[in-house]
Amino acid sequence: MIDSGTVRLVATANDMERTGLALVAYYLRLYTVERLLSAASNEKNEEEDGGRSEEVTAAATDLLDQIETFKQAAMSDEDPEAKGVKLLLSD
């Protein structure tokens, strides 16, 4: 099960993207994926049946798809103002 803090992070990332802060949303999503996977890893250590739940896997996969879509769109942008975003993404 995904905890409420992680759900809030996803909602905040979506809000950031809607308000024009897509780069902040990108990093929030990366952090959320890390948090999901580390929580699943901790639960795996506590439970002996192993593996992460389908819900966690689906959420992490969806977030990684959003991250990759944003990154591809930003890297293909030819606008000179996008140079800073490209620099931050490649860092």
N, C-alpha and C. Protein backbone atom coordinates (compact mmCIF):
# COMPACT_ATOMS: atom_id res chain seq x y z
N MET A 1 0.84 -1.19 0.00
CA MET A 1 0.00 0.00 0.00
C MET A 1 0.88 1.24 0.00
N ILE A 2 0.44 2.24 -0.74
CA ILE A 2 1.19 3.48 -0.85
C ILE A 2 0.75 4.41 0.27
N ASP A 3 1.72 4.97 0.99
CA ASP A 3 1.38 5.83 2.13
C ASP A 3 0.90 7.21 1.68
N SER A 4 0.25 7.91 2.60
CA SER A 4 -0.35 9.21 2.27
C SER A 4 0.70 10.26 1.91
N GLY A 5 1.89 10.17 2.49
CA GLY A 5 2.95 11.12 2.15
C GLY A 5 3.37 11.01 0.70
N THR A 6 3.44 9.79 0.20
CA THR A 6 3.80 9.57 -1.20
C THR A 6 2.69 10.06 -2.12
N VAL A 7 1.45 9.83 -1.74
CA VAL A 7 0.31 10.32 -2.53
C VAL A 7 0.34 11.84 -2.59
N ARG A 8 0.67 12.49 -1.48
CA ARG A 8 0.77 13.95 -1.46
C ARG A 8 1.90 14.45 -2.35
N LEU A 9 3.02 13.72 -2.38
CA LEU A 9 4.13 14.11 -3.26
C LEU A 9 3.71 14.08 -4.72
N VAL A 10 2.99 13.04 -5.11
CA VAL A 10 2.52 12.94 -6.50
C VAL A 10 1.56 14.08 -6.81
N ALA A 11 0.65 14.38 -5.90
CA ALA A 11 -0.29 15.48 -6.11
C ALA A 11 0.44 16.81 -6.20
N THR A 12 1.44 17.01 -5.37
CA THR A 12 2.22 18.25 -5.41
C THR A 12 2.97 18.36 -6.73
N ALA A 13 3.54 17.26 -7.21
CA ALA A 13 4.24 17.26 -8.49
C ALA A 13 3.28 17.63 -9.62
N ASN A 14 2.07 17.09 -9.59
CA ASN A 14 1.07 17.43 -10.60
C ASN A 14 0.70 18.91 -10.53
N ASP A 15 0.55 19.45 -9.33
CA ASP A 15 0.26 20.87 -9.16
C ASP A 15 1.40 21.73 -9.70
N MET A 16 2.62 21.33 -9.41
CA MET A 16 3.79 22.08 -9.89
C MET A 16 3.82 22.11 -11.42
N GLU A 17 3.50 20.99 -12.03
CA GLU A 17 3.51 20.93 -13.49
C GLU A 17 2.43 21.83 -14.08
N ARG A 18 1.25 21.82 -13.46
CA ARG A 18 0.15 22.67 -13.95
C ARG A 18 0.46 24.15 -13.81
N THR A 19 1.24 24.52 -12.81
CA THR A 19 1.53 25.94 -12.59
C THR A 19 2.78 26.41 -13.32
N GLY A 20 3.36 25.55 -14.15
CA GLY A 20 4.51 25.96 -14.94
C GLY A 20 5.85 25.65 -14.32
N LEU A 21 5.87 24.88 -13.26
CA LEU A 21 7.13 24.50 -12.62
C LEU A 21 7.42 23.03 -12.90
N ALA A 22 7.50 22.72 -14.19
CA ALA A 22 7.66 21.32 -14.62
C ALA A 22 8.97 20.72 -14.15
N LEU A 23 10.02 21.53 -14.06
CA LEU A 23 11.30 20.99 -13.61
C LEU A 23 11.24 20.57 -12.14
N VAL A 24 10.53 21.34 -11.33
CA VAL A 24 10.33 20.97 -9.92
C VAL A 24 9.52 19.67 -9.85
N ALA A 25 8.50 19.57 -10.70
CA ALA A 25 7.68 18.35 -10.75
C ALA A 25 8.53 17.15 -11.14
N TYR A 26 9.46 17.35 -12.07
CA TYR A 26 10.37 16.29 -12.52
C TYR A 26 11.16 15.74 -11.33
N TYR A 27 11.76 16.63 -10.56
CA TYR A 27 12.57 16.18 -9.42
C TYR A 27 11.72 15.61 -8.29
N LEU A 28 10.51 16.14 -8.09
CA LEU A 28 9.61 15.56 -7.09
C LEU A 28 9.22 14.13 -7.47
N ARG A 29 8.98 13.92 -8.75
CA ARG A 29 8.64 12.57 -9.21
C ARG A 29 9.82 11.62 -9.03
N LEU A 30 11.02 12.08 -9.34
CA LEU A 30 12.20 11.23 -9.12
C LEU A 30 12.32 10.84 -7.65
N TYR A 31 12.13 11.82 -6.77
CA TYR A 31 12.19 11.55 -5.34
C TYR A 31 11.10 10.57 -4.92
N THR A 32 9.91 10.73 -5.49
CA THR A 32 8.80 9.85 -5.14
C THR A 32 9.08 8.41 -5.55
N VAL A 33 9.66 8.22 -6.74
CA VAL A 33 10.02 6.86 -7.17
C VAL A 33 11.03 6.26 -6.21
N GLU A 34 12.03 7.06 -5.83
CA GLU A 34 13.03 6.57 -4.87
C GLU A 34 12.37 6.18 -3.56
N ARG A 35 11.45 7.00 -3.11
CA ARG A 35 10.75 6.73 -1.85
C ARG A 35 9.89 5.47 -1.95
N LEU A 36 9.19 5.31 -3.07
CA LEU A 36 8.38 4.11 -3.27
C LEU A 36 9.24 2.84 -3.24
N LEU A 37 10.34 2.89 -3.97
CA LEU A 37 11.18 1.69 -4.07
C LEU A 37 11.89 1.38 -2.76
N SER A 38 12.30 2.42 -2.03
CA SER A 38 12.96 2.15 -0.75
C SER A 38 11.97 1.64 0.29
N ALA A 39 10.74 2.16 0.26
CA ALA A 39 9.72 1.67 1.19
C ALA A 39 9.38 0.21 0.87
N ALA A 40 9.30 -0.11 -0.42
CA ALA A 40 9.02 -1.49 -0.81
C ALA A 40 10.16 -2.40 -0.41
N SER A 41 11.38 -1.90 -0.50
CA SER A 41 12.55 -2.69 -0.10
C SER A 41 12.53 -2.95 1.40
N ASN A 42 12.17 -1.93 2.19
CA ASN A 42 12.09 -2.09 3.65
C ASN A 42 11.00 -3.09 4.03
N GLU A 43 9.86 -3.01 3.34
CA GLU A 43 8.78 -3.96 3.61
C GLU A 43 9.20 -5.37 3.24
N LYS A 44 9.98 -5.50 2.18
CA LYS A 44 10.45 -6.82 1.75
C LYS A 44 11.34 -7.43 2.82
N ASN A 45 12.17 -6.59 3.46
CA ASN A 45 13.04 -7.09 4.51
C ASN A 45 12.24 -7.55 5.73
N GLU A 46 11.11 -6.88 5.99
CA GLU A 46 10.29 -7.24 7.14
C GLU A 46 9.42 -8.47 6.86
N GLU A 47 9.03 -8.63 5.60
CA GLU A 47 8.19 -9.77 5.23
C GLU A 47 9.04 -10.74 4.43
N GLU A 48 8.82 -12.00 4.64
CA GLU A 48 9.64 -13.01 3.96
C GLU A 48 9.07 -13.45 2.63
N ASP A 49 7.82 -13.01 2.27
CA ASP A 49 7.26 -13.48 1.01
C ASP A 49 7.85 -12.75 -0.19
N GLY A 50 8.58 -11.67 0.00
CA GLY A 50 9.40 -11.03 -1.03
C GLY A 50 8.62 -10.26 -2.09
N GLY A 51 9.35 -9.39 -2.80
CA GLY A 51 8.80 -8.61 -3.89
C GLY A 51 7.97 -7.44 -3.43
N ARG A 52 7.85 -6.46 -4.33
CA ARG A 52 7.00 -5.31 -4.02
C ARG A 52 5.61 -5.54 -4.60
N SER A 53 4.66 -4.84 -4.07
CA SER A 53 3.28 -5.04 -4.50
C SER A 53 3.08 -4.52 -5.92
N GLU A 54 2.03 -5.01 -6.56
CA GLU A 54 1.70 -4.56 -7.92
C GLU A 54 1.35 -3.08 -7.91
N GLU A 55 0.73 -2.62 -6.84
CA GLU A 55 0.35 -1.21 -6.73
C GLU A 55 1.58 -0.31 -6.74
N VAL A 56 2.60 -0.68 -5.98
CA VAL A 56 3.84 0.10 -5.92
C VAL A 56 4.55 0.05 -7.27
N THR A 57 4.61 -1.13 -7.88
CA THR A 57 5.25 -1.28 -9.18
C THR A 57 4.54 -0.43 -10.23
N ALA A 58 3.22 -0.46 -10.24
CA ALA A 58 2.44 0.33 -11.20
C ALA A 58 2.65 1.83 -10.99
N ALA A 59 2.66 2.26 -9.73
CA ALA A 59 2.86 3.68 -9.43
C ALA A 59 4.25 4.14 -9.85
N ALA A 60 5.26 3.34 -9.54
CA ALA A 60 6.64 3.69 -9.91
C ALA A 60 6.80 3.72 -11.42
N THR A 61 6.21 2.76 -12.11
CA THR A 61 6.29 2.71 -13.57
C THR A 61 5.62 3.91 -14.20
N ASP A 62 4.44 4.28 -13.69
CA ASP A 62 3.73 5.45 -14.21
C ASP A 62 4.55 6.72 -14.01
N LEU A 63 5.13 6.88 -12.83
CA LEU A 63 5.96 8.06 -12.56
C LEU A 63 7.19 8.08 -13.45
N LEU A 64 7.83 6.93 -13.65
CA LEU A 64 9.01 6.88 -14.52
C LEU A 64 8.64 7.20 -15.96
N ASP A 65 7.46 6.79 -16.41
CA ASP A 65 7.00 7.15 -17.76
C ASP A 65 6.81 8.66 -17.88
N GLN A 66 6.22 9.29 -16.86
CA GLN A 66 6.04 10.74 -16.86
C GLN A 66 7.38 11.46 -16.86
N ILE A 67 8.32 10.95 -16.08
CA ILE A 67 9.66 11.53 -16.00
C ILE A 67 10.33 11.46 -17.36
N GLU A 68 10.28 10.30 -17.99
CA GLU A 68 10.94 10.12 -19.29
C GLU A 68 10.28 10.97 -20.37
N THR A 69 8.95 11.08 -20.35
CA THR A 69 8.24 11.91 -21.32
C THR A 69 8.68 13.37 -21.20
N PHE A 70 8.73 13.88 -19.97
CA PHE A 70 9.16 15.26 -19.75
C PHE A 70 10.60 15.46 -20.23
N LYS A 71 11.46 14.52 -19.87
CA LYS A 71 12.88 14.65 -20.23
C LYS A 71 13.06 14.64 -21.74
N GLN A 72 12.38 13.75 -22.44
CA GLN A 72 12.49 13.69 -23.90
C GLN A 72 11.97 14.98 -24.54
N ALA A 73 10.86 15.50 -24.04
CA ALA A 73 10.30 16.74 -24.59
C ALA A 73 11.24 17.91 -24.35
N ALA A 74 11.82 17.98 -23.17
CA ALA A 74 12.72 19.09 -22.84
C ALA A 74 14.01 19.01 -23.64
N MET A 75 14.54 17.81 -23.82
CA MET A 75 15.80 17.66 -24.54
C MET A 75 15.65 17.91 -26.04
N SER A 76 14.45 17.70 -26.58
CA SER A 76 14.24 17.92 -28.01
C SER A 76 13.81 19.35 -28.32
N ASP A 77 13.55 20.15 -27.30
CA ASP A 77 13.13 21.54 -27.49
C ASP A 77 14.30 22.36 -28.04
N GLU A 78 14.05 23.05 -29.16
CA GLU A 78 15.10 23.85 -29.81
C GLU A 78 15.11 25.30 -29.34
N ASP A 79 14.19 25.68 -28.48
CA ASP A 79 14.11 27.04 -27.97
C ASP A 79 15.37 27.38 -27.18
N PRO A 80 16.01 28.53 -27.46
CA PRO A 80 17.22 28.90 -26.71
C PRO A 80 16.99 29.03 -25.20
N GLU A 81 15.77 29.35 -24.80
CA GLU A 81 15.47 29.48 -23.37
C GLU A 81 15.43 28.11 -22.68
N ALA A 82 15.33 27.04 -23.46
CA ALA A 82 15.29 25.69 -22.89
C ALA A 82 16.69 25.18 -22.55
N LYS A 83 17.70 25.96 -22.88
CA LYS A 83 19.08 25.53 -22.63
C LYS A 83 19.32 25.29 -21.13
N GLY A 84 18.78 26.14 -20.28
CA GLY A 84 18.94 25.97 -18.84
C GLY A 84 18.28 24.70 -18.32
N VAL A 85 17.10 24.39 -18.86
CA VAL A 85 16.40 23.17 -18.45
C VAL A 85 17.21 21.95 -18.87
N LYS A 86 17.75 21.99 -20.09
CA LYS A 86 18.57 20.87 -20.57
C LYS A 86 19.79 20.68 -19.67
N LEU A 87 20.38 21.77 -19.26
CA LEU A 87 21.55 21.69 -18.38
C LEU A 87 21.17 21.06 -17.04
N LEU A 88 20.05 21.46 -16.47
CA LEU A 88 19.62 20.90 -15.19
C LEU A 88 19.23 19.43 -15.30
N LEU A 89 18.69 19.03 -16.44
CA LEU A 89 18.31 17.63 -16.63
C LEU A 89 19.51 16.73 -16.85
N SER A 90 20.55 17.27 -17.46
CA SER A 90 21.72 16.44 -17.73
C SER A 90 22.68 16.40 -16.55
N ASP A 91 22.41 17.19 -15.55
CA ASP A 91 23.27 17.26 -14.37
C ASP A 91 23.08 16.10 -13.45
